[in-house]
Amino acid sequence: MKKLLYYGLALASLILIQGCSTAVMDIDGGADGSTTVNFKNSPVDVKVLDTRTRFINGLLQVNMEIESGYSNPYRLEYKFSWYDSSGMEVDPARTAWIPIYLNGRETRTIQGLAPNPSAKTFKVKIREADDQ
């Protein structure tokens, strides 16, 4: 009986751990508009169609055009992280997940503005939104 209880608790723990982990799609980019998509086993089905960058008053601004790969509505969250020329994250406390809703095969532009002039590169993380 103890063995059955042990296996039941182990299985429940495994399900809970997997249910709480959210796979993220990472997109690395530079001030020149170049991007690299890293899926990391992510179930997120989004295509990056275009990335445009510019500096406004010394701050890096990014416009990224994304397209949903699903024919049904899709709830996602994204956030920008900013890095200086030595690869150190700039002001990580200011990054927050932003919800976005895409209709089937819809194309939308997400936008980010660096928090200070030292940001030279960026990373965008996209994940499926929780059902809550």
N, C-alpha and C. Protein backbone atom coordinates (compact mmCIF):
# COMPACT_ATOMS: atom_id res chain seq x y z
N MET A 1 0.83 -1.20 0.00
CA MET A 1 0.00 0.00 0.00
C MET A 1 0.87 1.26 0.00
N LYS A 2 1.97 1.22 0.79
CA LYS A 2 2.86 2.38 0.83
C LYS A 2 3.52 2.61 -0.53
N LYS A 3 3.84 1.51 -1.20
CA LYS A 3 4.47 1.61 -2.51
C LYS A 3 3.53 2.28 -3.52
N LEU A 4 2.26 1.91 -3.49
CA LEU A 4 1.27 2.49 -4.38
C LEU A 4 1.10 3.99 -4.09
N LEU A 5 1.07 4.34 -2.83
CA LEU A 5 0.95 5.75 -2.44
C LEU A 5 2.18 6.53 -2.90
N TYR A 6 3.37 5.93 -2.76
CA TYR A 6 4.61 6.58 -3.19
C TYR A 6 4.59 6.84 -4.69
N TYR A 7 4.21 5.82 -5.49
CA TYR A 7 4.16 6.00 -6.93
C TYR A 7 3.10 7.03 -7.34
N GLY A 8 1.99 7.03 -6.65
CA GLY A 8 0.93 8.01 -6.94
C GLY A 8 1.40 9.43 -6.68
N LEU A 9 2.11 9.65 -5.56
CA LEU A 9 2.64 10.98 -5.25
C LEU A 9 3.72 11.39 -6.25
N ALA A 10 4.56 10.44 -6.64
CA ALA A 10 5.61 10.74 -7.62
C ALA A 10 4.99 11.15 -8.96
N LEU A 11 3.98 10.43 -9.40
CA LEU A 11 3.31 10.76 -10.66
C LEU A 11 2.62 12.12 -10.58
N ALA A 12 1.95 12.39 -9.48
CA ALA A 12 1.28 13.68 -9.31
C ALA A 12 2.30 14.83 -9.31
N SER A 13 3.45 14.62 -8.68
CA SER A 13 4.50 15.64 -8.67
C SER A 13 5.03 15.90 -10.07
N LEU A 14 5.23 14.84 -10.82
CA LEU A 14 5.73 14.98 -12.19
C LEU A 14 4.74 15.74 -13.06
N ILE A 15 3.47 15.43 -12.95
CA ILE A 15 2.44 16.13 -13.72
C ILE A 15 2.38 17.59 -13.31
N LEU A 16 2.47 17.89 -12.03
CA LEU A 16 2.44 19.27 -11.55
C LEU A 16 3.64 20.05 -12.06
N ILE A 17 4.82 19.45 -12.03
CA ILE A 17 6.03 20.14 -12.51
C ILE A 17 5.92 20.42 -14.00
N GLN A 18 5.48 19.45 -14.79
CA GLN A 18 5.35 19.66 -16.23
C GLN A 18 4.26 20.65 -16.56
N GLY A 19 3.18 20.67 -15.78
CA GLY A 19 2.10 21.61 -16.03
C GLY A 19 2.49 23.03 -15.74
N CYS A 20 3.44 23.26 -14.86
CA CYS A 20 3.86 24.60 -14.50
C CYS A 20 4.95 25.15 -15.40
N SER A 21 5.63 24.28 -16.11
CA SER A 21 6.71 24.77 -16.97
C SER A 21 6.13 25.24 -18.30
N THR A 22 6.57 26.40 -18.73
CA THR A 22 6.10 26.97 -19.98
C THR A 22 7.29 27.11 -20.92
N ALA A 23 7.19 26.47 -22.06
CA ALA A 23 8.26 26.58 -23.05
C ALA A 23 8.19 27.95 -23.70
N VAL A 24 9.33 28.49 -23.99
CA VAL A 24 9.42 29.85 -24.52
C VAL A 24 10.15 29.84 -25.85
N MET A 25 9.66 30.64 -26.78
CA MET A 25 10.35 30.87 -28.05
C MET A 25 11.18 32.13 -27.87
N ASP A 26 12.48 32.04 -28.10
CA ASP A 26 13.39 33.18 -27.96
C ASP A 26 13.77 33.71 -29.34
N ILE A 27 13.82 35.03 -29.45
CA ILE A 27 14.27 35.67 -30.68
C ILE A 27 15.35 36.67 -30.29
N ASP A 28 16.58 36.41 -30.71
CA ASP A 28 17.69 37.32 -30.43
C ASP A 28 17.83 38.30 -31.59
N GLY A 29 18.14 39.56 -31.26
CA GLY A 29 18.27 40.55 -32.32
C GLY A 29 19.27 41.63 -32.00
N GLY A 30 19.69 42.31 -33.04
CA GLY A 30 20.64 43.40 -32.90
C GLY A 30 20.08 44.70 -33.45
N ALA A 31 20.81 45.77 -33.23
CA ALA A 31 20.39 47.09 -33.68
C ALA A 31 20.30 47.17 -35.20
N ASP A 32 20.95 46.24 -35.91
CA ASP A 32 20.91 46.26 -37.37
C ASP A 32 19.67 45.56 -37.93
N GLY A 33 18.78 45.05 -37.05
CA GLY A 33 17.56 44.38 -37.48
C GLY A 33 17.71 42.89 -37.70
N SER A 34 18.92 42.36 -37.51
CA SER A 34 19.12 40.92 -37.68
C SER A 34 18.48 40.17 -36.51
N THR A 35 17.92 39.00 -36.79
CA THR A 35 17.29 38.19 -35.75
C THR A 35 17.66 36.73 -35.92
N THR A 36 17.66 36.02 -34.80
CA THR A 36 17.86 34.57 -34.76
C THR A 36 16.76 34.00 -33.88
N VAL A 37 15.99 33.04 -34.41
CA VAL A 37 14.89 32.44 -33.67
C VAL A 37 15.38 31.14 -33.04
N ASN A 38 15.16 31.01 -31.73
CA ASN A 38 15.53 29.81 -30.98
C ASN A 38 14.25 29.22 -30.39
N PHE A 39 13.84 28.05 -30.88
CA PHE A 39 12.57 27.48 -30.45
C PHE A 39 12.62 26.80 -29.09
N LYS A 40 13.72 26.18 -28.73
CA LYS A 40 13.86 25.50 -27.44
C LYS A 40 12.67 24.60 -27.11
N ASN A 41 12.28 23.75 -28.05
CA ASN A 41 11.16 22.82 -27.86
C ASN A 41 9.85 23.54 -27.54
N SER A 42 9.68 24.72 -28.05
CA SER A 42 8.50 25.52 -27.77
C SER A 42 7.33 25.10 -28.64
N PRO A 43 6.14 25.00 -28.05
CA PRO A 43 4.95 24.72 -28.84
C PRO A 43 4.39 25.98 -29.52
N VAL A 44 5.01 27.12 -29.29
CA VAL A 44 4.54 28.37 -29.87
C VAL A 44 4.69 28.31 -31.39
N ASP A 45 3.60 28.54 -32.11
CA ASP A 45 3.62 28.50 -33.57
C ASP A 45 3.47 29.93 -34.10
N VAL A 46 4.58 30.65 -34.13
CA VAL A 46 4.61 32.03 -34.59
C VAL A 46 5.78 32.18 -35.55
N LYS A 47 5.55 32.89 -36.63
CA LYS A 47 6.62 33.19 -37.59
C LYS A 47 7.00 34.65 -37.42
N VAL A 48 8.29 34.93 -37.48
CA VAL A 48 8.78 36.30 -37.49
C VAL A 48 8.92 36.69 -38.95
N LEU A 49 8.09 37.63 -39.39
CA LEU A 49 8.09 38.04 -40.79
C LEU A 49 9.08 39.15 -41.08
N ASP A 50 9.23 40.08 -40.14
CA ASP A 50 10.11 41.22 -40.37
C ASP A 50 10.49 41.83 -39.03
N THR A 51 11.70 42.37 -38.96
CA THR A 51 12.17 43.09 -37.78
C THR A 51 12.79 44.40 -38.25
N ARG A 52 12.33 45.50 -37.68
CA ARG A 52 12.87 46.81 -38.00
C ARG A 52 13.35 47.46 -36.71
N THR A 53 14.49 48.11 -36.78
CA THR A 53 15.05 48.79 -35.62
C THR A 53 15.45 50.21 -35.99
N ARG A 54 15.47 51.07 -34.99
CA ARG A 54 15.96 52.43 -35.16
C ARG A 54 16.27 52.99 -33.78
N PHE A 55 17.00 54.08 -33.77
CA PHE A 55 17.30 54.76 -32.52
C PHE A 55 16.48 56.05 -32.45
N ILE A 56 15.79 56.22 -31.35
CA ILE A 56 15.02 57.43 -31.10
C ILE A 56 15.58 58.07 -29.84
N ASN A 57 16.16 59.27 -29.98
CA ASN A 57 16.80 59.95 -28.86
C ASN A 57 17.79 59.05 -28.14
N GLY A 58 18.52 58.23 -28.91
CA GLY A 58 19.53 57.35 -28.36
C GLY A 58 19.02 56.02 -27.82
N LEU A 59 17.70 55.79 -27.89
CA LEU A 59 17.10 54.55 -27.38
C LEU A 59 16.76 53.63 -28.54
N LEU A 60 17.13 52.35 -28.42
CA LEU A 60 16.84 51.36 -29.44
C LEU A 60 15.35 51.02 -29.43
N GLN A 61 14.71 51.18 -30.58
CA GLN A 61 13.31 50.82 -30.74
C GLN A 61 13.22 49.65 -31.71
N VAL A 62 12.36 48.67 -31.40
CA VAL A 62 12.21 47.48 -32.23
C VAL A 62 10.74 47.31 -32.60
N ASN A 63 10.47 47.11 -33.88
CA ASN A 63 9.16 46.69 -34.38
C ASN A 63 9.35 45.31 -34.99
N MET A 64 8.59 44.33 -34.49
CA MET A 64 8.70 42.97 -35.00
C MET A 64 7.33 42.52 -35.48
N GLU A 65 7.28 42.14 -36.75
CA GLU A 65 6.03 41.66 -37.32
C GLU A 65 5.98 40.15 -37.17
N ILE A 66 4.94 39.66 -36.50
CA ILE A 66 4.78 38.22 -36.26
C ILE A 66 3.46 37.74 -36.87
N GLU A 67 3.42 36.45 -37.18
CA GLU A 67 2.22 35.86 -37.76
C GLU A 67 1.89 34.56 -37.02
N SER A 68 0.64 34.40 -36.66
CA SER A 68 0.19 33.17 -36.02
C SER A 68 0.19 32.04 -37.03
N GLY A 69 0.66 30.88 -36.61
CA GLY A 69 0.65 29.70 -37.47
C GLY A 69 -0.62 28.89 -37.33
N TYR A 70 -1.51 29.32 -36.44
CA TYR A 70 -2.76 28.59 -36.21
C TYR A 70 -3.92 29.24 -36.95
N SER A 71 -4.91 28.44 -37.31
CA SER A 71 -6.10 29.00 -37.94
C SER A 71 -7.15 29.41 -36.90
N ASN A 72 -6.93 29.09 -35.66
CA ASN A 72 -7.83 29.47 -34.57
C ASN A 72 -7.22 30.62 -33.77
N PRO A 73 -8.02 31.31 -32.97
CA PRO A 73 -7.47 32.38 -32.11
C PRO A 73 -6.38 31.83 -31.18
N TYR A 74 -5.43 32.69 -30.85
CA TYR A 74 -4.23 32.27 -30.14
C TYR A 74 -3.87 33.35 -29.12
N ARG A 75 -3.79 32.96 -27.84
CA ARG A 75 -3.42 33.90 -26.77
C ARG A 75 -1.96 33.67 -26.41
N LEU A 76 -1.17 34.72 -26.54
CA LEU A 76 0.26 34.66 -26.25
C LEU A 76 0.65 35.76 -25.28
N GLU A 77 1.88 35.67 -24.81
CA GLU A 77 2.50 36.73 -24.03
C GLU A 77 3.91 36.91 -24.57
N TYR A 78 4.40 38.15 -24.55
CA TYR A 78 5.77 38.40 -24.99
C TYR A 78 6.41 39.42 -24.07
N LYS A 79 7.73 39.43 -24.09
CA LYS A 79 8.46 40.47 -23.38
C LYS A 79 9.81 40.69 -24.04
N PHE A 80 10.27 41.93 -23.96
CA PHE A 80 11.57 42.31 -24.48
C PHE A 80 12.56 42.35 -23.33
N SER A 81 13.77 41.89 -23.59
CA SER A 81 14.90 42.05 -22.67
C SER A 81 15.97 42.79 -23.46
N TRP A 82 16.71 43.66 -22.80
CA TRP A 82 17.69 44.53 -23.46
C TRP A 82 19.07 44.25 -22.92
N TYR A 83 20.09 44.32 -23.80
CA TYR A 83 21.46 43.99 -23.43
C TYR A 83 22.41 45.06 -23.95
N ASP A 84 23.45 45.34 -23.15
CA ASP A 84 24.45 46.33 -23.56
C ASP A 84 25.49 45.68 -24.48
N SER A 85 26.49 46.44 -24.90
CA SER A 85 27.47 45.94 -25.86
C SER A 85 28.32 44.80 -25.32
N SER A 86 28.38 44.62 -24.00
CA SER A 86 29.14 43.51 -23.43
C SER A 86 28.26 42.30 -23.11
N GLY A 87 26.97 42.38 -23.48
CA GLY A 87 26.07 41.25 -23.27
C GLY A 87 25.38 41.21 -21.92
N MET A 88 25.55 42.25 -21.12
CA MET A 88 24.90 42.30 -19.80
C MET A 88 23.48 42.85 -19.95
N GLU A 89 22.53 42.23 -19.24
CA GLU A 89 21.14 42.67 -19.33
C GLU A 89 20.98 44.06 -18.71
N VAL A 90 20.24 44.90 -19.40
CA VAL A 90 20.00 46.27 -18.97
C VAL A 90 18.64 46.36 -18.28
N ASP A 91 18.64 46.79 -17.04
CA ASP A 91 17.40 47.05 -16.28
C ASP A 91 16.41 45.89 -16.34
N PRO A 92 16.79 44.69 -15.87
CA PRO A 92 15.90 43.52 -15.98
C PRO A 92 14.61 43.65 -15.17
N ALA A 93 14.59 44.49 -14.17
CA ALA A 93 13.39 44.63 -13.34
C ALA A 93 12.24 45.28 -14.10
N ARG A 94 12.53 45.94 -15.22
CA ARG A 94 11.48 46.64 -15.97
C ARG A 94 10.82 45.78 -17.02
N THR A 95 11.27 44.55 -17.20
CA THR A 95 10.66 43.70 -18.22
C THR A 95 9.45 42.98 -17.64
N ALA A 96 8.35 42.97 -18.40
CA ALA A 96 7.12 42.32 -17.97
C ALA A 96 6.48 41.61 -19.16
N TRP A 97 5.72 40.57 -18.87
CA TRP A 97 5.01 39.85 -19.93
C TRP A 97 3.82 40.69 -20.38
N ILE A 98 3.65 40.83 -21.69
CA ILE A 98 2.57 41.61 -22.29
C ILE A 98 1.67 40.65 -23.06
N PRO A 99 0.37 40.64 -22.74
CA PRO A 99 -0.52 39.72 -23.46
C PRO A 99 -0.80 40.22 -24.88
N ILE A 100 -0.98 39.27 -25.78
CA ILE A 100 -1.35 39.59 -27.16
C ILE A 100 -2.29 38.49 -27.63
N TYR A 101 -3.32 38.90 -28.37
CA TYR A 101 -4.32 37.97 -28.88
C TYR A 101 -4.25 38.01 -30.40
N LEU A 102 -4.01 36.86 -30.99
CA LEU A 102 -3.95 36.76 -32.45
C LEU A 102 -5.11 35.92 -32.96
N ASN A 103 -5.83 36.44 -33.93
CA ASN A 103 -6.83 35.63 -34.61
C ASN A 103 -6.11 34.66 -35.53
N GLY A 104 -6.84 33.74 -36.11
CA GLY A 104 -6.24 32.74 -36.98
C GLY A 104 -5.44 33.35 -38.12
N ARG A 105 -4.18 32.96 -38.23
CA ARG A 105 -3.25 33.42 -39.28
C ARG A 105 -3.06 34.94 -39.30
N GLU A 106 -3.40 35.60 -38.21
CA GLU A 106 -3.27 37.06 -38.15
C GLU A 106 -1.82 37.50 -38.05
N THR A 107 -1.52 38.63 -38.66
CA THR A 107 -0.21 39.26 -38.58
C THR A 107 -0.32 40.50 -37.72
N ARG A 108 0.58 40.62 -36.74
CA ARG A 108 0.59 41.80 -35.85
C ARG A 108 2.02 42.25 -35.65
N THR A 109 2.16 43.51 -35.26
CA THR A 109 3.47 44.06 -34.95
C THR A 109 3.56 44.28 -33.45
N ILE A 110 4.63 43.74 -32.85
CA ILE A 110 4.90 44.01 -31.45
C ILE A 110 6.05 45.02 -31.41
N GLN A 111 6.07 45.83 -30.37
CA GLN A 111 7.04 46.92 -30.32
C GLN A 111 7.67 47.00 -28.94
N GLY A 112 8.96 47.32 -28.93
CA GLY A 112 9.67 47.52 -27.68
C GLY A 112 10.60 48.72 -27.79
N LEU A 113 10.82 49.38 -26.66
CA LEU A 113 11.73 50.52 -26.59
C LEU A 113 12.68 50.29 -25.43
N ALA A 114 13.98 50.34 -25.72
CA ALA A 114 15.00 50.10 -24.69
C ALA A 114 14.85 51.10 -23.54
N PRO A 115 15.16 50.67 -22.31
CA PRO A 115 14.99 51.57 -21.16
C PRO A 115 16.06 52.65 -21.05
N ASN A 116 17.22 52.43 -21.68
CA ASN A 116 18.27 53.46 -21.65
C ASN A 116 19.20 53.29 -22.86
N PRO A 117 20.04 54.29 -23.13
CA PRO A 117 20.87 54.28 -24.33
C PRO A 117 21.95 53.19 -24.37
N SER A 118 22.25 52.54 -23.27
CA SER A 118 23.29 51.52 -23.29
C SER A 118 22.84 50.23 -23.97
N ALA A 119 21.53 50.05 -24.20
CA ALA A 119 21.02 48.83 -24.84
C ALA A 119 21.36 48.83 -26.32
N LYS A 120 22.05 47.77 -26.76
CA LYS A 120 22.47 47.65 -28.15
C LYS A 120 21.89 46.42 -28.84
N THR A 121 21.49 45.42 -28.07
CA THR A 121 20.85 44.22 -28.61
C THR A 121 19.63 43.91 -27.76
N PHE A 122 18.84 42.95 -28.22
CA PHE A 122 17.60 42.63 -27.52
C PHE A 122 17.28 41.15 -27.67
N LYS A 123 16.35 40.70 -26.85
CA LYS A 123 15.79 39.35 -26.94
C LYS A 123 14.30 39.49 -26.72
N VAL A 124 13.51 38.84 -27.56
CA VAL A 124 12.07 38.79 -27.37
C VAL A 124 11.72 37.36 -27.00
N LYS A 125 10.96 37.21 -25.94
CA LYS A 125 10.48 35.89 -25.53
C LYS A 125 8.99 35.86 -25.76
N ILE A 126 8.53 34.76 -26.36
CA ILE A 126 7.10 34.58 -26.64
C ILE A 126 6.69 33.23 -26.06
N ARG A 127 5.59 33.24 -25.35
CA ARG A 127 5.06 31.99 -24.78
C ARG A 127 3.55 31.98 -24.88
N GLU A 128 2.97 30.79 -24.76
CA GLU A 128 1.52 30.67 -24.73
C GLU A 128 1.03 31.24 -23.40
N ALA A 129 -0.09 31.96 -23.45
CA ALA A 129 -0.65 32.55 -22.23
C ALA A 129 -1.32 31.46 -21.41
N ASP A 130 -1.29 31.64 -20.09
CA ASP A 130 -2.01 30.72 -19.21
C ASP A 130 -3.50 30.85 -19.46
N ASP A 131 -4.23 29.80 -19.16
CA ASP A 131 -5.69 29.81 -19.37
C ASP A 131 -6.43 30.56 -18.27
N GLN A 132 -5.72 31.13 -17.35
CA GLN A 132 -6.39 31.81 -16.23
C GLN A 132 -6.95 33.13 -16.64
